[in-house]
Structure formats: structure tokens, C-alpha cells
Amino acid sequence: MANHETIFDELKKQIPVDEEESLILNRDSSVGLVIVDVVNGFCTIGSGNMAPTKHNEQISKMVEESAKLAREFCDRKWPVLAFIDSHHPDIPEIPYPPHCIIGTEEAELVPALKWLESENCATLRRKDCIDGFVGSMEKDGSNVFVDWVKEKQIKVVSFSFDNVISYVKQVYCFSTNL
């Protein structure tokens, strides 16, 4: 899978999207929250090469909203998957400078989300690339993200993430027909 189009096609094949289905969430909904890279190395002031150097309102708001969403999902016993950027020190992620090195504070969830580590409804997935779908692939060909969606029988996935480049918060949903 060399390009994003191929990756997206594979994702659609594994988790078909029904764009016509309405989005109505209630306590009986089969939903899941995916939090992408809300880690110190991207969100905590002075925590590394890719972290903000001063207060950034967009990042602060994104972290606050991600924590609020995660708490709501966990209170309802809805599944949460948190992708955590984690890199081996000897394997660069071109074109980015070294960041989120395994075993450092950079590669840890921000303090507002650290509590997810002890939540039964939360699955934490360390990944070593910018793409969570690709970072979920295992040597045997399985995919941790796809397996999580199927195992939890999720029909709606909400994503909350920090865009590494522009620090813009985006939240969007898609419904699946598994």
C-alpha cells in the first residue's frame, strides 16, 4: 500500500461506509471514539521538536474537548481507541525531526487524557507513522483498528485529533455498515 488512495480503498473494503445513514446517537448506539496523537510531543508546551513553544489556544481547546469527549464515552461504557505516536530513536519519520521517541514523555498521552491508561473501555495503540490505519497493521496482515471496530461492533466512529502540521482540531464522524 504505497499511496493514500490505496490505503483509503483498503479501509473502505474492511469497514464499508454507508454515507446515507443518519447519525443519531443514544445510549444504545454502537459508537466508538478514536483519539489520534493527543500526546505531549505534539500538544504540551516545550515537550519536544514538534510541540508548541508557547500557549496555543487551538491546541488547548482540542485537548480539552478530547478529554471531555473521552470522559463522556467512558462514562457511557462506549469504546475509545487512542493512537499514540511512538518512534524508535534510530528510525526517522521523514520529513519530520525526531519526535515522540519511545520511552520519553513526548510519547505519552497529555495529562488530561492520562487516565485513559486505566480505563477498561480504552484501547491504546502505539504507532510509528503518521497514519493510524497503516500504523495498525500487523505482520500477519491483520489490522488492530479494523479488528477493534469489528470486535466492538461499532457503527459510528468519531475521531478527535491534533493535526501534526497545523495544530488544527478536527472532529468528524462516519457511519459504517458492517
Protein backbone atom coordinates (compact mmCIF):
# COMPACT_ATOMS: atom_id res chain seq x y z
CA MET A 1 0.00 0.00 0.00
CA ALA A 2 2.09 2.83 -1.30
CA ASN A 3 -0.29 5.74 -1.50
CA HIS A 4 -3.21 7.25 0.42
CA GLU A 5 -5.74 6.29 -2.27
CA THR A 6 -4.82 2.62 -1.91
CA ILE A 7 -4.94 2.89 1.89
CA PHE A 8 -8.36 4.56 1.77
CA ASP A 9 -9.64 1.87 -0.62
CA GLU A 10 -8.43 -0.83 1.77
CA LEU A 11 -10.10 0.93 4.71
CA LYS A 12 -13.40 1.18 2.78
CA LYS A 13 -13.13 -2.52 1.89
CA GLN A 14 -12.53 -3.53 5.51
CA ILE A 15 -15.08 -1.11 7.02
CA PRO A 16 -17.71 -0.15 4.40
CA VAL A 17 -19.17 3.32 4.83
CA ASP A 18 -22.89 4.00 4.45
CA GLU A 19 -22.97 7.74 3.78
CA GLU A 20 -26.78 7.79 3.54
CA GLU A 21 -27.39 6.51 7.07
CA SER A 22 -28.47 9.17 9.57
CA LEU A 23 -26.31 9.95 12.58
CA ILE A 24 -28.38 9.69 15.75
CA LEU A 25 -26.50 8.80 18.93
CA ASN A 26 -28.15 7.45 22.03
CA ARG A 27 -27.12 5.14 24.87
CA ASP A 28 -27.81 2.11 22.67
CA SER A 29 -25.70 3.35 19.76
CA SER A 30 -22.75 1.26 18.61
CA VAL A 31 -20.21 4.07 18.64
CA GLY A 32 -16.51 4.45 19.27
CA LEU A 33 -14.17 7.38 19.76
CA VAL A 34 -10.74 7.46 18.13
CA ILE A 35 -8.23 9.92 19.58
CA VAL A 36 -5.21 10.47 17.36
CA ASP A 37 -1.84 11.67 18.67
CA VAL A 38 -3.03 13.82 21.55
CA VAL A 39 0.38 13.32 23.14
CA ASN A 40 2.85 15.58 24.92
CA GLY A 41 5.17 15.67 21.88
CA PHE A 42 2.50 17.48 19.85
CA CYS A 43 0.38 19.23 22.47
CA THR A 44 2.37 20.11 25.61
CA ILE A 45 4.42 23.31 25.60
CA GLY A 46 8.15 22.65 25.28
CA SER A 47 7.79 18.87 25.14
CA GLY A 48 9.88 18.27 22.04
CA ASN A 49 10.68 19.19 18.46
CA MET A 50 7.05 19.13 17.31
CA ALA A 51 5.47 20.53 20.48
CA PRO A 52 4.23 24.11 20.76
CA THR A 53 6.76 26.58 22.16
CA LYS A 54 4.09 28.78 23.73
CA HIS A 55 0.41 28.63 24.60
CA ASN A 56 -1.75 27.79 21.60
CA GLU A 57 -5.49 28.24 22.08
CA GLN A 58 -6.39 25.76 19.30
CA ILE A 59 -4.32 23.02 20.91
CA SER A 60 -5.64 23.78 24.40
CA LYS A 61 -9.23 23.68 23.16
CA MET A 62 -8.62 20.45 21.22
CA VAL A 63 -7.11 18.76 24.30
CA GLU A 64 -9.96 19.98 26.49
CA GLU A 65 -12.62 18.79 24.02
CA SER A 66 -10.86 15.45 23.50
CA ALA A 67 -10.74 14.85 27.27
CA LYS A 68 -14.40 15.83 27.62
CA LEU A 69 -15.44 13.52 24.76
CA ALA A 70 -13.35 10.65 26.13
CA ARG A 71 -14.89 11.06 29.58
CA GLU A 72 -18.40 11.05 28.11
CA PHE A 73 -17.67 7.92 26.08
CA CYS A 74 -16.12 6.10 29.05
CA ASP A 75 -18.99 7.13 31.34
CA ARG A 76 -21.36 5.52 28.82
CA LYS A 77 -19.06 2.47 28.52
CA TRP A 78 -18.53 3.22 24.83
CA PRO A 79 -15.15 2.12 23.43
CA VAL A 80 -12.28 4.55 22.97
CA LEU A 81 -9.15 3.91 20.92
CA ALA A 82 -6.21 6.28 21.40
CA PHE A 83 -3.41 6.29 18.86
CA ILE A 84 -0.10 7.30 20.45
CA ASP A 85 2.75 8.46 18.22
CA SER A 86 5.82 6.43 19.30
CA HIS A 87 9.06 6.17 17.35
CA HIS A 88 12.25 4.16 17.70
CA PRO A 89 15.19 6.56 18.12
CA ASP A 90 17.12 5.02 15.19
CA ILE A 91 14.24 5.05 12.68
CA PRO A 92 13.42 8.56 11.43
CA GLU A 93 9.98 9.59 10.19
CA ILE A 94 10.97 11.67 7.18
CA PRO A 95 10.47 14.65 6.73
CA TYR A 96 9.88 15.32 10.45
CA PRO A 97 12.58 15.91 13.06
CA PRO A 98 12.97 13.25 15.79
CA HIS A 99 9.86 13.28 17.97
CA CYS A 100 7.77 11.12 20.31
CA ILE A 101 10.65 8.73 20.97
CA ILE A 102 9.55 5.53 22.74
CA GLY A 103 10.12 5.77 26.49
CA THR A 104 10.08 9.57 26.64
CA GLU A 105 7.38 11.89 27.98
CA GLU A 106 6.82 13.07 24.39
CA ALA A 107 5.35 9.67 23.52
CA GLU A 108 2.79 9.75 26.36
CA LEU A 109 -0.80 10.93 26.40
CA VAL A 110 -1.26 14.52 27.57
CA PRO A 111 -2.04 14.83 31.32
CA ALA A 112 -5.74 15.49 30.59
CA LEU A 113 -6.01 12.03 28.95
CA LYS A 114 -3.52 10.03 31.04
CA TRP A 115 -6.44 8.49 32.95
CA LEU A 116 -7.35 6.52 29.81
CA GLU A 117 -4.46 4.17 30.61
CA SER A 118 -6.53 2.62 33.41
CA GLU A 119 -9.94 2.65 31.68
CA ASN A 120 -11.43 -0.70 30.69
CA CYS A 121 -13.23 0.84 27.72
CA ALA A 122 -9.99 2.33 26.32
CA THR A 123 -7.58 0.68 23.91
CA LEU A 124 -4.21 2.39 23.47
CA ARG A 125 -2.31 1.79 20.23
CA ARG A 126 1.26 2.99 19.80
CA LYS A 127 2.10 3.70 16.17
CA ASP A 128 5.30 4.68 14.40
CA CYS A 129 3.90 6.53 11.41
CA ILE A 130 1.60 9.47 10.69
CA ASP A 131 -1.25 7.21 9.50
CA GLY A 132 -3.14 5.33 12.24
CA PHE A 133 -4.61 2.81 9.80
CA VAL A 134 -1.18 1.92 8.42
CA GLY A 135 0.27 2.05 11.95
CA SER A 136 -2.31 -0.56 12.99
CA MET A 137 -1.15 -3.17 10.50
CA GLU A 138 0.43 -6.28 11.99
CA LYS A 139 3.00 -8.60 10.38
CA ASP A 140 0.31 -11.27 9.93
CA GLY A 141 -1.76 -8.89 7.76
CA SER A 142 -4.36 -8.11 10.41
CA ASN A 143 -5.17 -4.55 11.38
CA VAL A 144 -5.68 -3.55 15.03
CA PHE A 145 -8.00 -0.64 14.12
CA VAL A 146 -10.20 -2.76 11.84
CA ASP A 147 -10.30 -5.55 14.44
CA TRP A 148 -11.27 -3.02 17.15
CA VAL A 149 -14.17 -1.69 15.04
CA LYS A 150 -15.38 -5.20 14.23
CA GLU A 151 -14.93 -6.61 17.76
CA LYS A 152 -16.80 -3.70 19.35
CA GLN A 153 -19.43 -3.87 16.57
CA ILE A 154 -19.05 -0.15 16.06
CA LYS A 155 -21.40 1.51 13.58
CA VAL A 156 -20.32 5.13 14.15
CA VAL A 157 -16.76 6.28 14.77
CA SER A 158 -15.95 9.78 15.99
CA PHE A 159 -12.39 10.98 15.52
CA SER A 160 -10.70 13.60 17.66
CA PHE A 161 -7.18 14.51 16.73
CA ASP A 162 -4.46 17.08 16.51
CA ASN A 163 -3.17 17.68 13.01
CA VAL A 164 0.59 17.42 13.46
CA ILE A 165 1.39 20.09 10.90
CA SER A 166 -1.11 22.86 11.55
CA TYR A 167 -2.38 22.01 15.04
CA VAL A 168 -5.95 22.32 13.81
CA LYS A 169 -8.55 20.32 15.70
CA GLN A 170 -10.89 18.29 13.56
CA VAL A 171 -13.74 16.07 14.67
CA TYR A 172 -15.79 14.14 12.17
CA CYS A 173 -17.94 11.04 12.10
CA PHE A 174 -18.69 8.34 9.62
CA SER A 175 -21.20 5.55 9.91
CA THR A 176 -20.33 2.02 8.94
CA ASN A 177 -22.40 -0.86 7.71
CA LEU A 178 -20.51 -3.97 8.83
